[in-house]
Amino acid sequence: MIDRGYIFIWPLYFDVERSRKEGRRVARELAVSNPTAEKVAQALRKLGYTPLIFKEKNHPADWFNYRGLVLLKKDDLKVPKSELLKEIGNVLRSL
C-alpha cells in the first residue's frame, strides 16, 4: 500500500489526445503525445526531484493502458502540485 505522504502523478495528466474531462490536467500547449511514467520521472529528475516509478500501474479512467504511475514525496515539493504539473509539462515538451 502507498503511504499518504506522496502525491500521485499520472502520465494521463499530460496526454495531448485527452480532454480535461478525460483526465488531462495541463493546458494543451504543455501536453505531449503518448506520455509514460518514465518520461514524467525523467522530467522530474531534470527539475531536481527524486521520483518513484511504478510501471505496472494504470489510471482508473485509462485502465486498459499501463502507462505507469509516478510518486513524489509531499515533503519534497517546492511548489504547489498545480504549478509542478505545469513545470513537468514544460520539460516534457522539450524532451
Protein backbone atom coordinates (compact mmCIF):
# COMPACT_ATOMS: atom_id res chain seq x y z
CA MET A 1 0.00 0.00 0.00
CA ILE A 2 1.19 3.50 -0.80
CA ASP A 3 1.72 5.94 2.07
CA ARG A 4 -0.31 9.17 2.27
CA GLY A 5 2.92 11.14 2.29
CA TYR A 6 3.14 11.02 -1.52
CA ILE A 7 1.43 12.79 -4.40
CA PHE A 8 0.36 10.82 -7.46
CA ILE A 9 1.40 12.00 -10.90
CA TRP A 10 -0.23 10.02 -13.68
CA PRO A 11 1.11 10.27 -17.26
CA LEU A 12 -2.52 10.73 -18.32
CA TYR A 13 -2.30 14.27 -16.89
CA PHE A 14 -0.02 15.21 -19.83
CA ASP A 15 -1.73 13.38 -22.73
CA VAL A 16 -2.48 15.84 -25.55
CA GLU A 17 -5.07 13.46 -27.00
CA ARG A 18 -7.21 13.60 -23.84
CA SER A 19 -9.63 16.33 -22.82
CA ARG A 20 -9.73 17.85 -19.36
CA LYS A 21 -12.85 15.80 -18.73
CA GLU A 22 -10.92 12.64 -19.65
CA GLY A 23 -8.14 13.37 -17.15
CA ARG A 24 -5.66 15.80 -18.71
CA ARG A 25 -4.58 18.33 -16.07
CA VAL A 26 -2.37 20.70 -18.07
CA ALA A 27 -3.11 23.04 -20.95
CA ARG A 28 -2.81 21.53 -24.44
CA GLU A 29 0.32 23.65 -25.02
CA LEU A 30 2.01 21.74 -22.16
CA ALA A 31 0.72 18.28 -23.13
CA VAL A 32 2.57 15.68 -25.20
CA SER A 33 1.69 12.64 -27.24
CA ASN A 34 1.98 9.24 -25.54
CA PRO A 35 3.40 10.25 -22.14
CA THR A 36 4.82 7.46 -19.96
CA ALA A 37 5.82 7.23 -16.31
CA GLU A 38 9.47 7.03 -17.36
CA LYS A 39 9.22 10.31 -19.32
CA VAL A 40 7.44 12.03 -16.42
CA ALA A 41 10.10 10.75 -13.99
CA GLN A 42 12.84 11.98 -16.33
CA ALA A 43 11.23 15.44 -16.35
CA LEU A 44 11.03 15.41 -12.55
CA ARG A 45 14.71 14.48 -12.29
CA LYS A 46 15.57 17.46 -14.52
CA LEU A 47 13.58 19.63 -12.10
CA GLY A 48 15.62 18.33 -9.16
CA TYR A 49 13.20 15.81 -7.66
CA THR A 50 13.65 12.13 -6.81
CA PRO A 51 10.53 10.32 -8.10
CA LEU A 52 9.38 6.75 -7.52
CA ILE A 53 8.13 4.89 -10.60
CA PHE A 54 5.57 2.10 -10.77
CA LYS A 55 5.47 0.91 -14.38
CA GLU A 56 2.76 -1.70 -13.85
CA LYS A 57 0.08 0.76 -12.64
CA ASN A 58 -2.74 2.24 -14.67
CA HIS A 59 -5.06 5.19 -14.08
CA PRO A 60 -8.64 4.12 -13.27
CA ALA A 61 -10.01 6.24 -16.15
CA ASP A 62 -7.44 4.71 -18.50
CA TRP A 63 -7.42 1.18 -17.09
CA PHE A 64 -6.53 -0.52 -20.39
CA ASN A 65 -3.26 1.43 -20.84
CA TYR A 66 -0.44 0.58 -18.46
CA ARG A 67 1.50 3.84 -18.63
CA GLY A 68 2.62 3.65 -15.05
CA LEU A 69 2.48 5.95 -12.05
CA VAL A 70 4.99 8.39 -10.59
CA LEU A 71 5.06 9.22 -6.90
CA LEU A 72 6.72 12.17 -5.26
CA LYS A 73 7.10 12.81 -1.53
CA LYS A 74 4.91 15.68 -0.37
CA ASP A 75 7.75 16.90 1.85
CA ASP A 76 9.98 17.32 -1.22
CA LEU A 77 7.58 19.66 -3.05
CA LYS A 78 8.96 23.11 -3.75
CA VAL A 79 5.75 24.45 -5.35
CA PRO A 80 2.03 23.53 -5.26
CA LYS A 81 1.05 20.46 -7.31
CA SER A 82 -0.70 22.52 -10.00
CA GLU A 83 2.48 24.53 -10.59
CA LEU A 84 4.59 21.37 -10.56
CA LEU A 85 2.40 19.85 -13.29
CA LYS A 86 2.98 22.94 -15.45
CA GLU A 87 6.74 22.68 -14.89
CA ILE A 88 6.69 18.98 -15.81
CA GLY A 89 4.70 19.81 -18.95
CA ASN A 90 7.29 22.39 -19.99
CA VAL A 91 10.13 19.90 -19.55
CA LEU A 92 8.22 17.12 -21.34
CA ARG A 93 7.72 19.39 -24.35
CA SER A 94 11.48 19.93 -24.55
CA LEU A 95 12.38 16.21 -24.26
